[in-house]
Amino acid sequence: MQATTQSHPAVSIPADHAVAMPAYVERSHLVVQDLPMVSNWYQRILGLTPIESGANGETLGVAGRPLLTLTTERNAAKAPRSAPGLFHTAFLVPNRRDLAHWLAHAAHNNIRLQGASDHLVSEAVYLADPEGNGIEVYRDRSRGEWNYQPDGTVAMSTLPLDLQALYDEAPKDHWEGIAEGTAIGHIHLQVSDIPQADAFFRDALGLDLMARYPGASFFATGKYHHHVAANIWNSRGASKRQGNMTGLADYTVRFNDPAKLAAALGKLDELEIPVSTEGSVHSLVDPWGIGLLLVAP
């Protein structure tokens, strides 16, 4: 199951939202071993709803917006922790109240969290699905609260998040699923080399370098804090992921700016990175063996 160009119901989003930028991450595609179990988990715990089903997978989303495709293969082998691929898919909820509401739902279902952080630009809660695929559920602070540096990067940090205070702000009514307007705000990848990641995401795809951590780079368009992150914390020097591995098969970047897509395709051609085109979907494999779909407006 690949990305489609079907429209989804319009949801009013702010002009500075992650998905209103010149390019953004639209959806993620995971290969799993137990499709019914994993799909049920995303529906029950994350609150996604089924949108499309196929012979070997299904697509889940929010209010008709496709966000996550799950497929399975008979020979799917569990990817080692050190393999390039997914660090986490980050689901961006509209506001702090919605994040609190989801947190209370997770707590009431005894979901084990892996962490919670205040990143200055956002507040984030981390967990993993039953097969170990990383997940972030977060909300952005308003851009007026972000601190841009003279070089155009944005100040980010990893500070403790007061989960009890967040939980105490949760609405007391019944949780009906993750909030309408939720989207994939960013995707965080494991790669084998940071200079190589800079060359691919910044120099080839044309994303701006927005921040650096030790062993990680953060890229975006429209001065968002990051649409794509790449780190080597578990995967430094790792070889390409194999085609039968579980985890991140591919992800989709949609370009709201046709000129930016054309520039990226031109640069990929110049670098002799093979790209196949079908309709408005341009497919390639990145330097670490992860599929990437570039989609026109």
C-alpha atoms as a PDB file:
ATOM      1  CA  MET A   1       0.000   0.000   0.000  1.00  0.00           C
ATOM      2  CA  GLN A   2       1.529   3.289  -1.099  1.00  0.00           C
ATOM      3  CA  ALA A   3       0.586   6.914  -0.678  1.00  0.00           C
ATOM      4  CA  THR A   4      -2.513   8.001  -2.536  1.00  0.00           C
ATOM      5  CA  THR A   5      -3.482  11.453  -3.659  1.00  0.00           C
ATOM      6  CA  GLN A   6      -7.076  11.195  -2.479  1.00  0.00           C
ATOM      7  CA  SER A   7      -8.310  14.230  -0.638  1.00  0.00           C
ATOM      8  CA  HIS A   8      -9.292  14.173   2.996  1.00  0.00           C
ATOM      9  CA  PRO A   9     -11.817  16.348   4.825  1.00  0.00           C
ATOM     10  CA  ALA A  10     -10.590  19.876   5.323  1.00  0.00           C
ATOM     11  CA  VAL A  11      -9.741  20.762   8.916  1.00  0.00           C
ATOM     12  CA  SER A  12      -8.995  24.360   9.755  1.00  0.00           C
ATOM     13  CA  ILE A  13      -5.341  24.653  10.726  1.00  0.00           C
ATOM     14  CA  PRO A  14      -3.273  27.688  11.680  1.00  0.00           C
ATOM     15  CA  ALA A  15      -1.058  29.225   8.996  1.00  0.00           C
ATOM     16  CA  ASP A  16       2.051  28.370  11.043  1.00  0.00           C
ATOM     17  CA  HIS A  17       1.075  24.730  11.662  1.00  0.00           C
ATOM     18  CA  ALA A  18       3.548  21.975  10.749  1.00  0.00           C
ATOM     19  CA  VAL A  19       1.422  20.782   7.805  1.00  0.00           C
ATOM     20  CA  ALA A  20       0.909  24.307   6.398  1.00  0.00           C
ATOM     21  CA  MET A  21       4.615  24.648   5.608  1.00  0.00           C
ATOM     22  CA  PRO A  22       6.160  24.387   2.089  1.00  0.00           C
ATOM     23  CA  ALA A  23       6.793  20.667   2.717  1.00  0.00           C
ATOM     24  CA  TYR A  24       5.750  18.384   5.553  1.00  0.00           C
ATOM     25  CA  VAL A  25       5.571  14.721   6.549  1.00  0.00           C
ATOM     26  CA  GLU A  26       2.128  13.443   5.637  1.00  0.00           C
ATOM     27  CA  ARG A  27       2.177   9.785   6.648  1.00  0.00           C
ATOM     28  CA  SER A  28       4.272   6.875   7.840  1.00  0.00           C
ATOM     29  CA  HIS A  29       4.275   3.230   6.675  1.00  0.00           C
ATOM     30  CA  LEU A  30       5.311   0.446   9.030  1.00  0.00           C
ATOM     31  CA  VAL A  31       5.830  -3.245   8.341  1.00  0.00           C
ATOM     32  CA  VAL A  32       4.635  -5.299  11.301  1.00  0.00           C
ATOM     33  CA  GLN A  33       4.529  -8.977  12.162  1.00  0.00           C
ATOM     34  CA  ASP A  34       1.093  -9.107  13.831  1.00  0.00           C
ATOM     35  CA  LEU A  35      -1.119  -6.773  11.807  1.00  0.00           C
ATOM     36  CA  PRO A  36      -4.439  -7.281  13.674  1.00  0.00           C
ATOM     37  CA  MET A  37      -2.832  -6.808  17.086  1.00  0.00           C
ATOM     38  CA  VAL A  38      -0.822  -3.720  16.138  1.00  0.00           C
ATOM     39  CA  SER A  39      -3.723  -2.132  14.281  1.00  0.00           C
ATOM     40  CA  ASN A  40      -6.041  -2.691  17.235  1.00  0.00           C
ATOM     41  CA  TRP A  41      -3.478  -1.089  19.528  1.00  0.00           C
ATOM     42  CA  TYR A  42      -3.210   2.056  17.406  1.00  0.00           C
ATOM     43  CA  GLN A  43      -6.981   2.299  17.337  1.00  0.00           C
ATOM     44  CA  ARG A  44      -7.522   1.614  21.034  1.00  0.00           C
ATOM     45  CA  ILE A  45      -4.547   3.437  22.567  1.00  0.00           C
ATOM     46  CA  LEU A  46      -3.652   6.139  20.073  1.00  0.00           C
ATOM     47  CA  GLY A  47      -7.229   6.658  18.939  1.00  0.00           C
ATOM     48  CA  LEU A  48      -6.714   6.360  15.175  1.00  0.00           C
ATOM     49  CA  THR A  49      -9.568   5.121  12.982  1.00  0.00           C
ATOM     50  CA  PRO A  50      -9.480   2.806   9.932  1.00  0.00           C
ATOM     51  CA  ILE A  51      -9.625   4.558   6.574  1.00  0.00           C
ATOM     52  CA  GLU A  52      -8.569   2.009   3.970  1.00  0.00           C
ATOM     53  CA  SER A  53      -7.978  -1.754   3.930  1.00  0.00           C
ATOM     54  CA  GLY A  54      -6.097  -3.945   1.476  1.00  0.00           C
ATOM     55  CA  ALA A  55      -5.056  -7.549   1.107  1.00  0.00           C
ATOM     56  CA  ASN A  56      -1.976  -7.171   3.298  1.00  0.00           C
ATOM     57  CA  GLY A  57      -2.539  -4.025   5.299  1.00  0.00           C
ATOM     58  CA  GLU A  58      -4.600  -1.044   6.284  1.00  0.00           C
ATOM     59  CA  THR A  59      -4.367   2.707   6.672  1.00  0.00           C
ATOM     60  CA  LEU A  60      -5.392   4.497   9.860  1.00  0.00           C
ATOM     61  CA  GLY A  61      -5.904   8.182  10.474  1.00  0.00           C
ATOM     62  CA  VAL A  62      -7.913  10.948  12.083  1.00  0.00           C
ATOM     63  CA  ALA A  63     -11.126  12.441  10.703  1.00  0.00           C
ATOM     64  CA  GLY A  64     -10.414  10.966   7.277  1.00  0.00           C
ATOM     65  CA  ARG A  65      -6.790  12.165   7.145  1.00  0.00           C
ATOM     66  CA  PRO A  66      -4.501   9.147   6.452  1.00  0.00           C
ATOM     67  CA  LEU A  67      -1.554   9.134   8.849  1.00  0.00           C
ATOM     68  CA  LEU A  68      -0.300   5.578   9.322  1.00  0.00           C
ATOM     69  CA  THR A  69      -0.201   2.603   6.982  1.00  0.00           C
ATOM     70  CA  LEU A  70       0.439  -0.841   8.470  1.00  0.00           C
ATOM     71  CA  THR A  71       1.347  -3.808   6.286  1.00  0.00           C
ATOM     72  CA  THR A  72       2.639  -7.281   6.974  1.00  0.00           C
ATOM     73  CA  GLU A  73       4.779  -9.757   5.075  1.00  0.00           C
ATOM     74  CA  ARG A  74       5.239 -13.479   5.669  1.00  0.00           C
ATOM     75  CA  ASN A  75       9.023 -13.219   5.827  1.00  0.00           C
ATOM     76  CA  ALA A  76       9.127 -10.032   7.912  1.00  0.00           C
ATOM     77  CA  ALA A  77      12.045 -10.259  10.327  1.00  0.00           C
ATOM     78  CA  LYS A  78      12.256  -8.057  13.388  1.00  0.00           C
ATOM     79  CA  ALA A  79      14.681  -5.225  12.737  1.00  0.00           C
ATOM     80  CA  PRO A  80      17.600  -5.004  15.187  1.00  0.00           C
ATOM     81  CA  ARG A  81      17.639  -1.946  17.434  1.00  0.00           C
ATOM     82  CA  SER A  82      20.765  -0.714  15.651  1.00  0.00           C
ATOM     83  CA  ALA A  83      19.240  -0.776  12.157  1.00  0.00           C
ATOM     84  CA  PRO A  84      18.520   2.461  10.308  1.00  0.00           C
ATOM     85  CA  GLY A  85      14.823   3.222  10.239  1.00  0.00           C
ATOM     86  CA  LEU A  86      12.325   4.668  12.655  1.00  0.00           C
ATOM     87  CA  PHE A  87      13.216   6.364  15.911  1.00  0.00           C
ATOM     88  CA  HIS A  88       9.653   7.622  16.302  1.00  0.00           C
ATOM     89  CA  THR A  89       6.613   8.848  14.423  1.00  0.00           C
ATOM     90  CA  ALA A  90       5.441  12.063  16.075  1.00  0.00           C
ATOM     91  CA  PHE A  91       1.697  12.738  16.269  1.00  0.00           C
ATOM     92  CA  LEU A  92       0.980  16.442  16.750  1.00  0.00           C
ATOM     93  CA  VAL A  93      -2.237  17.203  18.665  1.00  0.00           C
ATOM     94  CA  PRO A  94      -3.843  20.654  18.444  1.00  0.00           C
ATOM     95  CA  ASN A  95      -3.153  21.925  21.973  1.00  0.00           C
ATOM     96  CA  ARG A  96      -2.074  21.134  25.542  1.00  0.00           C
ATOM     97  CA  ARG A  97      -5.616  20.228  26.572  1.00  0.00           C
ATOM     98  CA  ASP A  98      -5.740  17.537  23.870  1.00  0.00           C
ATOM     99  CA  LEU A  99      -2.334  16.228  24.967  1.00  0.00           C
ATOM    100  CA  ALA A 100      -3.563  16.039  28.567  1.00  0.00           C
ATOM    101  CA  HIS A 101      -6.726  14.230  27.487  1.00  0.00           C
ATOM    102  CA  TRP A 102      -4.693  11.599  25.606  1.00  0.00           C
ATOM    103  CA  LEU A 103      -2.263  11.251  28.529  1.00  0.00           C
ATOM    104  CA  ALA A 104      -5.129  10.534  30.933  1.00  0.00           C
ATOM    105  CA  HIS A 105      -6.476   7.918  28.502  1.00  0.00           C
ATOM    106  CA  ALA A 106      -3.036   6.263  28.315  1.00  0.00           C
ATOM    107  CA  ALA A 107      -2.712   6.309  32.102  1.00  0.00           C
ATOM    108  CA  HIS A 108      -6.151   4.741  32.577  1.00  0.00           C
ATOM    109  CA  ASN A 109      -5.088   1.948  30.201  1.00  0.00           C
ATOM    110  CA  ASN A 110      -1.809   1.343  32.072  1.00  0.00           C
ATOM    111  CA  ILE A 111       0.331   2.260  29.066  1.00  0.00           C
ATOM    112  CA  ARG A 112       4.034   2.295  29.880  1.00  0.00           C
ATOM    113  CA  LEU A 113       5.608   5.557  28.815  1.00  0.00           C
ATOM    114  CA  GLN A 114       9.258   5.813  27.779  1.00  0.00           C
ATOM    115  CA  GLY A 115       9.665   9.468  28.672  1.00  0.00           C
ATOM    116  CA  ALA A 116       8.229  12.973  28.646  1.00  0.00           C
ATOM    117  CA  SER A 117      10.053  16.174  27.741  1.00  0.00           C
ATOM    118  CA  ASP A 118       9.705  19.909  27.462  1.00  0.00           C
ATOM    119  CA  HIS A 119      11.588  20.858  24.295  1.00  0.00           C
ATOM    120  CA  LEU A 120      10.950  24.625  24.663  1.00  0.00           C
ATOM    121  CA  VAL A 121       9.130  24.632  21.314  1.00  0.00           C
ATOM    122  CA  SER A 122       6.897  21.724  22.301  1.00  0.00           C
ATOM    123  CA  GLU A 123       5.800  19.319  25.039  1.00  0.00           C
ATOM    124  CA  ALA A 124       6.141  15.652  24.234  1.00  0.00           C
ATOM    125  CA  VAL A 125       5.272  12.216  25.598  1.00  0.00           C
ATOM    126  CA  TYR A 126       7.105   9.119  24.341  1.00  0.00           C
ATOM    127  CA  LEU A 127       6.076   5.463  24.119  1.00  0.00           C
ATOM    128  CA  ALA A 128       6.296   2.503  21.743  1.00  0.00           C
ATOM    129  CA  ASP A 129       3.764   0.269  20.040  1.00  0.00           C
ATOM    130  CA  PRO A 130       3.663  -3.463  20.863  1.00  0.00           C
ATOM    131  CA  GLU A 131       6.362  -4.248  18.273  1.00  0.00           C
ATOM    132  CA  GLY A 132       8.700  -1.541  19.515  1.00  0.00           C
ATOM    133  CA  ASN A 133       8.041   1.181  16.950  1.00  0.00           C
ATOM    134  CA  GLY A 134       8.669   4.520  18.627  1.00  0.00           C
ATOM    135  CA  ILE A 135       5.872   7.069  19.037  1.00  0.00           C
ATOM    136  CA  GLU A 136       5.800  10.665  20.188  1.00  0.00           C
ATOM    137  CA  VAL A 137       2.548  12.432  21.049  1.00  0.00           C
ATOM    138  CA  TYR A 138       3.135  16.165  21.377  1.00  0.00           C
ATOM    139  CA  ARG A 139       1.763  19.673  21.202  1.00  0.00           C
ATOM    140  CA  ASP A 140       3.536  22.756  19.934  1.00  0.00           C
ATOM    141  CA  ARG A 141       3.916  25.948  21.890  1.00  0.00           C
ATOM    142  CA  SER A 142       2.963  29.057  19.935  1.00  0.00           C
ATOM    143  CA  ARG A 143       5.735  30.337  17.681  1.00  0.00           C
ATOM    144  CA  GLY A 144       5.805  33.522  19.722  1.00  0.00           C
ATOM    145  CA  GLU A 145       7.324  31.421  22.500  1.00  0.00           C
ATOM    146  CA  TRP A 146      10.051  29.960  20.252  1.00  0.00           C
ATOM    147  CA  ASN A 147      13.516  31.480  20.387  1.00  0.00           C
ATOM    148  CA  TYR A 148      15.188  31.760  16.990  1.00  0.00           C
ATOM    149  CA  GLN A 149      18.941  32.207  16.858  1.00  0.00           C
ATOM    150  CA  PRO A 150      20.750  34.741  14.613  1.00  0.00           C
ATOM    151  CA  ASP A 151      21.691  31.920  12.216  1.00  0.00           C
ATOM    152  CA  GLY A 152      18.015  30.984  11.723  1.00  0.00           C
ATOM    153  CA  THR A 153      18.056  27.871  13.883  1.00  0.00           C
ATOM    154  CA  VAL A 154      15.641  27.474  16.788  1.00  0.00           C
ATOM    155  CA  ALA A 155      16.498  26.895  20.438  1.00  0.00           C
ATOM    156  CA  MET A 156      15.465  23.421  21.566  1.00  0.00           C
ATOM    157  CA  SER A 157      16.269  21.485  24.703  1.00  0.00           C
ATOM    158  CA  THR A 158      15.237  18.344  26.551  1.00  0.00           C
ATOM    159  CA  LEU A 159      13.884  19.309  29.959  1.00  0.00           C
ATOM    160  CA  PRO A 160      11.634  17.301  32.287  1.00  0.00           C
ATOM    161  CA  LEU A 161       7.905  17.579  31.625  1.00  0.00           C
ATOM    162  CA  ASP A 162       5.612  17.628  34.666  1.00  0.00           C
ATOM    163  CA  LEU A 163       3.315  14.739  33.773  1.00  0.00           C
ATOM    164  CA  GLN A 164       1.241  15.074  36.941  1.00  0.00           C
ATOM    165  CA  ALA A 165       0.436  18.701  36.157  1.00  0.00           C
ATOM    166  CA  LEU A 166      -0.428  17.757  32.581  1.00  0.00           C
ATOM    167  CA  TYR A 167      -2.629  14.869  33.750  1.00  0.00           C
ATOM    168  CA  ASP A 168      -4.429  17.182  36.185  1.00  0.00           C
ATOM    169  CA  GLU A 169      -5.428  19.434  33.267  1.00  0.00           C
ATOM    170  CA  ALA A 170      -7.156  16.616  31.387  1.00  0.00           C
ATOM    171  CA  PRO A 171     -10.881  17.028  30.693  1.00  0.00           C
ATOM    172  CA  LYS A 172     -12.988  14.716  32.813  1.00  0.00           C
ATOM    173  CA  ASP A 173     -15.311  13.664  29.999  1.00  0.00           C
ATOM    174  CA  HIS A 174     -14.944  10.343  28.160  1.00  0.00           C
ATOM    175  CA  TRP A 175     -12.056  10.149  25.672  1.00  0.00           C
ATOM    176  CA  GLU A 176     -13.444   9.564  22.177  1.00  0.00           C
ATOM    177  CA  GLY A 177     -10.173   9.153  20.292  1.00  0.00           C
ATOM    178  CA  ILE A 178      -7.296  11.427  19.474  1.00  0.00           C
ATOM    179  CA  ALA A 179      -8.352  14.984  18.707  1.00  0.00           C
ATOM    180  CA  GLU A 180      -9.573  16.000  15.265  1.00  0.00           C
ATOM    181  CA  GLY A 181      -6.836  18.050  13.638  1.00  0.00           C
ATOM    182  CA  THR A 182      -4.094  15.662  14.787  1.00  0.00           C
ATOM    183  CA  ALA A 183      -1.420  15.190  12.119  1.00  0.00           C
ATOM    184  CA  ILE A 184       2.082  13.807  11.806  1.00  0.00           C
ATOM    185  CA  GLY A 185       4.154  16.771  12.933  1.00  0.00           C
ATOM    186  CA  HIS A 186       7.494  15.133  12.241  1.00  0.00           C
ATOM    187  CA  ILE A 187       9.305  11.860  11.804  1.00  0.00           C
ATOM    188  CA  HIS A 188      12.527  11.018  13.615  1.00  0.00           C
ATOM    189  CA  LEU A 189      14.877   8.576  11.897  1.00  0.00           C
ATOM    190  CA  GLN A 190      17.833   6.424  12.823  1.00  0.00           C
ATOM    191  CA  VAL A 191      20.625   6.843  10.277  1.00  0.00           C
ATOM    192  CA  SER A 192      24.244   5.751  10.145  1.00  0.00           C
ATOM    193  CA  ASP A 193      26.018   9.079   9.558  1.00  0.00           C
ATOM    194  CA  ILE A 194      25.095  12.709  10.370  1.00  0.00           C
ATOM    195  CA  PRO A 195      27.134  14.450   7.619  1.00  0.00           C
ATOM    196  CA  GLN A 196      25.408  12.093   5.164  1.00  0.00           C
ATOM    197  CA  ALA A 197      22.033  13.066   6.659  1.00  0.00           C
ATOM    198  CA  ASP A 198      22.861  16.761   6.306  1.00  0.00           C
ATOM    199  CA  ALA A 199      23.823  16.184   2.674  1.00  0.00           C
ATOM    200  CA  PHE A 200      20.599  14.322   1.929  1.00  0.00           C
ATOM    201  CA  PHE A 201      17.951  16.299   3.792  1.00  0.00           C
ATOM    202  CA  ARG A 202      19.471  19.776   3.551  1.00  0.00           C
ATOM    203  CA  ASP A 203      21.476  19.740   0.351  1.00  0.00           C
ATOM    204  CA  ALA A 204      19.406  17.320  -1.771  1.00  0.00           C
ATOM    205  CA  LEU A 205      15.832  17.709  -0.491  1.00  0.00           C
ATOM    206  CA  GLY A 206      16.218  21.392   0.344  1.00  0.00           C
ATOM    207  CA  LEU A 207      15.120  21.298   3.979  1.00  0.00           C
ATOM    208  CA  ASP A 208      16.573  23.866   6.369  1.00  0.00           C
ATOM    209  CA  LEU A 209      18.838  22.737   9.208  1.00  0.00           C
ATOM    210  CA  MET A 210      16.930  23.987  12.263  1.00  0.00           C
ATOM    211  CA  ALA A 211      18.863  22.518  15.202  1.00  0.00           C
ATOM    212  CA  ARG A 212      21.659  20.171  16.210  1.00  0.00           C
ATOM    213  CA  TYR A 213      22.027  17.890  19.197  1.00  0.00           C
ATOM    214  CA  PRO A 214      25.073  15.705  19.799  1.00  0.00           C
ATOM    215  CA  GLY A 215      24.586  12.953  17.221  1.00  0.00           C
ATOM    216  CA  ALA A 216      21.428  14.413  15.653  1.00  0.00           C
ATOM    217  CA  SER A 217      20.265  16.991  13.110  1.00  0.00           C
ATOM    218  CA  PHE A 218      16.788  18.504  12.761  1.00  0.00           C
ATOM    219  CA  PHE A 219      15.394  19.679   9.417  1.00  0.00           C
ATOM    220  CA  ALA A 220      12.267  21.582   8.373  1.00  0.00           C
ATOM    221  CA  THR A 221      10.623  23.975   5.971  1.00  0.00           C
ATOM    222  CA  GLY A 222       8.896  27.225   6.862  1.00  0.00           C
ATOM    223  CA  LYS A 223      11.021  27.692   9.990  1.00  0.00           C
ATOM    224  CA  TYR A 224       9.134  24.907  11.786  1.00  0.00           C
ATOM    225  CA  HIS A 225      11.280  23.324  14.520  1.00  0.00           C
ATOM    226  CA  HIS A 226      11.585  20.082  12.583  1.00  0.00           C
ATOM    227  CA  HIS A 227       9.709  17.965  10.086  1.00  0.00           C
ATOM    228  CA  VAL A 228      12.472  15.348   9.924  1.00  0.00           C
ATOM    229  CA  ALA A 229      15.127  14.473  12.492  1.00  0.00           C
ATOM    230  CA  ALA A 230      18.018  12.065  12.035  1.00  0.00           C
ATOM    231  CA  ASN A 231      20.200  10.579  14.753  1.00  0.00           C
ATOM    232  CA  ILE A 232      22.988   8.012  15.147  1.00  0.00           C
ATOM    233  CA  TRP A 233      22.402   7.244  18.843  1.00  0.00           C
ATOM    234  CA  ASN A 234      21.711   3.536  18.206  1.00  0.00           C
ATOM    235  CA  SER A 235      22.780   3.220  14.572  1.00  0.00           C
ATOM    236  CA  ARG A 236      26.173   4.876  14.082  1.00  0.00           C
ATOM    237  CA  GLY A 237      27.907   3.253  11.109  1.00  0.00           C
ATOM    238  CA  ALA A 238      25.105   0.729  10.529  1.00  0.00           C
ATOM    239  CA  SER A 239      24.635  -0.818   7.111  1.00  0.00           C
ATOM    240  CA  LYS A 240      21.469  -0.225   5.078  1.00  0.00           C
ATOM    241  CA  ARG A 241      18.243  -1.738   6.357  1.00  0.00           C
ATOM    242  CA  GLN A 242      17.126  -4.892   4.565  1.00  0.00           C
ATOM    243  CA  GLY A 243      13.920  -5.141   2.572  1.00  0.00           C
ATOM    244  CA  ASN A 244      12.316  -7.737   4.823  1.00  0.00           C
ATOM    245  CA  MET A 245      12.805  -5.841   8.081  1.00  0.00           C
ATOM    246  CA  THR A 246       9.936  -4.771  10.281  1.00  0.00           C
ATOM    247  CA  GLY A 247       9.618  -1.099  11.115  1.00  0.00           C
ATOM    248  CA  LEU A 248       9.656   1.888   8.800  1.00  0.00           C
ATOM    249  CA  ALA A 249       9.188   0.816   5.184  1.00  0.00           C
ATOM    250  CA  ASP A 250       8.687   4.350   3.900  1.00  0.00           C
ATOM    251  CA  TYR A 251       7.247   7.754   4.709  1.00  0.00           C
ATOM    252  CA  THR A 252       5.630  10.479   2.631  1.00  0.00           C
ATOM    253  CA  VAL A 253       6.668  14.118   2.326  1.00  0.00           C
ATOM    254  CA  ARG A 254       4.019  16.308   0.689  1.00  0.00           C
ATOM    255  CA  PHE A 255       5.147  19.519  -0.964  1.00  0.00           C
ATOM    256  CA  ASN A 256       2.767  22.468  -0.760  1.00  0.00           C
ATOM    257  CA  ASP A 257       5.335  24.399  -2.818  1.00  0.00           C
ATOM    258  CA  PRO A 258       5.715  22.938  -6.360  1.00  0.00           C
ATOM    259  CA  ALA A 259       8.966  24.854  -6.931  1.00  0.00           C
ATOM    260  CA  LYS A 260      10.529  23.267  -3.865  1.00  0.00           C
ATOM    261  CA  LEU A 261       9.576  19.789  -5.106  1.00  0.00           C
ATOM    262  CA  ALA A 262      10.971  20.530  -8.573  1.00  0.00           C
ATOM    263  CA  ALA A 263      14.248  21.712  -7.030  1.00  0.00           C
ATOM    264  CA  ALA A 264      14.495  18.555  -4.909  1.00  0.00           C
ATOM    265  CA  LEU A 265      13.847  16.296  -7.901  1.00  0.00           C
ATOM    266  CA  GLY A 266      16.445  18.187  -9.920  1.00  0.00           C
ATOM    267  CA  LYS A 267      19.040  17.789  -7.190  1.00  0.00           C
ATOM    268  CA  LEU A 268      18.269  14.063  -6.777  1.00  0.00           C
ATOM    269  CA  ASP A 269      18.746  13.622 -10.535  1.00  0.00           C
ATOM    270  CA  GLU A 270      22.016  15.543 -10.381  1.00  0.00           C
ATOM    271  CA  LEU A 271      23.200  13.237  -7.594  1.00  0.00           C
ATOM    272  CA  GLU A 272      22.090  10.199  -9.648  1.00  0.00           C
ATOM    273  CA  ILE A 273      19.720   9.009  -6.925  1.00  0.00           C
ATOM    274  CA  PRO A 274      17.097   6.909  -8.754  1.00  0.00           C
ATOM    275  CA  VAL A 275      13.529   8.225  -8.547  1.00  0.00           C
ATOM    276  CA  SER A 276      10.495   6.512 -10.068  1.00  0.00           C
ATOM    277  CA  THR A 277       7.400   8.564 -10.819  1.00  0.00           C
ATOM    278  CA  GLU A 278       3.788   7.444 -10.955  1.00  0.00           C
ATOM    279  CA  GLY A 279       1.317  10.275 -11.320  1.00  0.00           C
ATOM    280  CA  SER A 280       2.146  12.843  -8.652  1.00  0.00           C
ATOM    281  CA  VAL A 281       4.119  10.408  -6.458  1.00  0.00           C
ATOM    282  CA  HIS A 282       7.923  10.276  -6.759  1.00  0.00           C
ATOM    283  CA  SER A 283       9.473   7.239  -5.037  1.00  0.00           C
ATOM    284  CA  LEU A 284      13.057   6.684  -3.994  1.00  0.00           C
ATOM    285  CA  VAL A 285      15.161   4.896  -1.393  1.00  0.00           C
ATOM    286  CA  ASP A 286      17.322   7.027   0.866  1.00  0.00           C
ATOM    287  CA  PRO A 287      21.011   6.336   1.664  1.00  0.00           C
ATOM    288  CA  TRP A 288      19.994   4.087   4.592  1.00  0.00           C
ATOM    289  CA  GLY A 289      17.511   1.871   2.752  1.00  0.00           C
ATOM    290  CA  ILE A 290      14.372   3.705   3.914  1.00  0.00           C
ATOM    291  CA  GLY A 291      11.678   4.353   1.313  1.00  0.00           C
ATOM    292  CA  LEU A 292      10.673   7.966   0.711  1.00  0.00           C
ATOM    293  CA  LEU A 293       7.699   9.215  -1.284  1.00  0.00           C
ATOM    294  CA  LEU A 294       7.698  12.830  -2.465  1.00  0.00           C
ATOM    295  CA  VAL A 295       4.184  13.957  -3.328  1.00  0.00           C
ATOM    296  CA  ALA A 296       3.071  16.976  -5.335  1.00  0.00           C
ATOM    297  CA  PRO A 297       0.405  19.387  -4.009  1.00  0.00           C
END
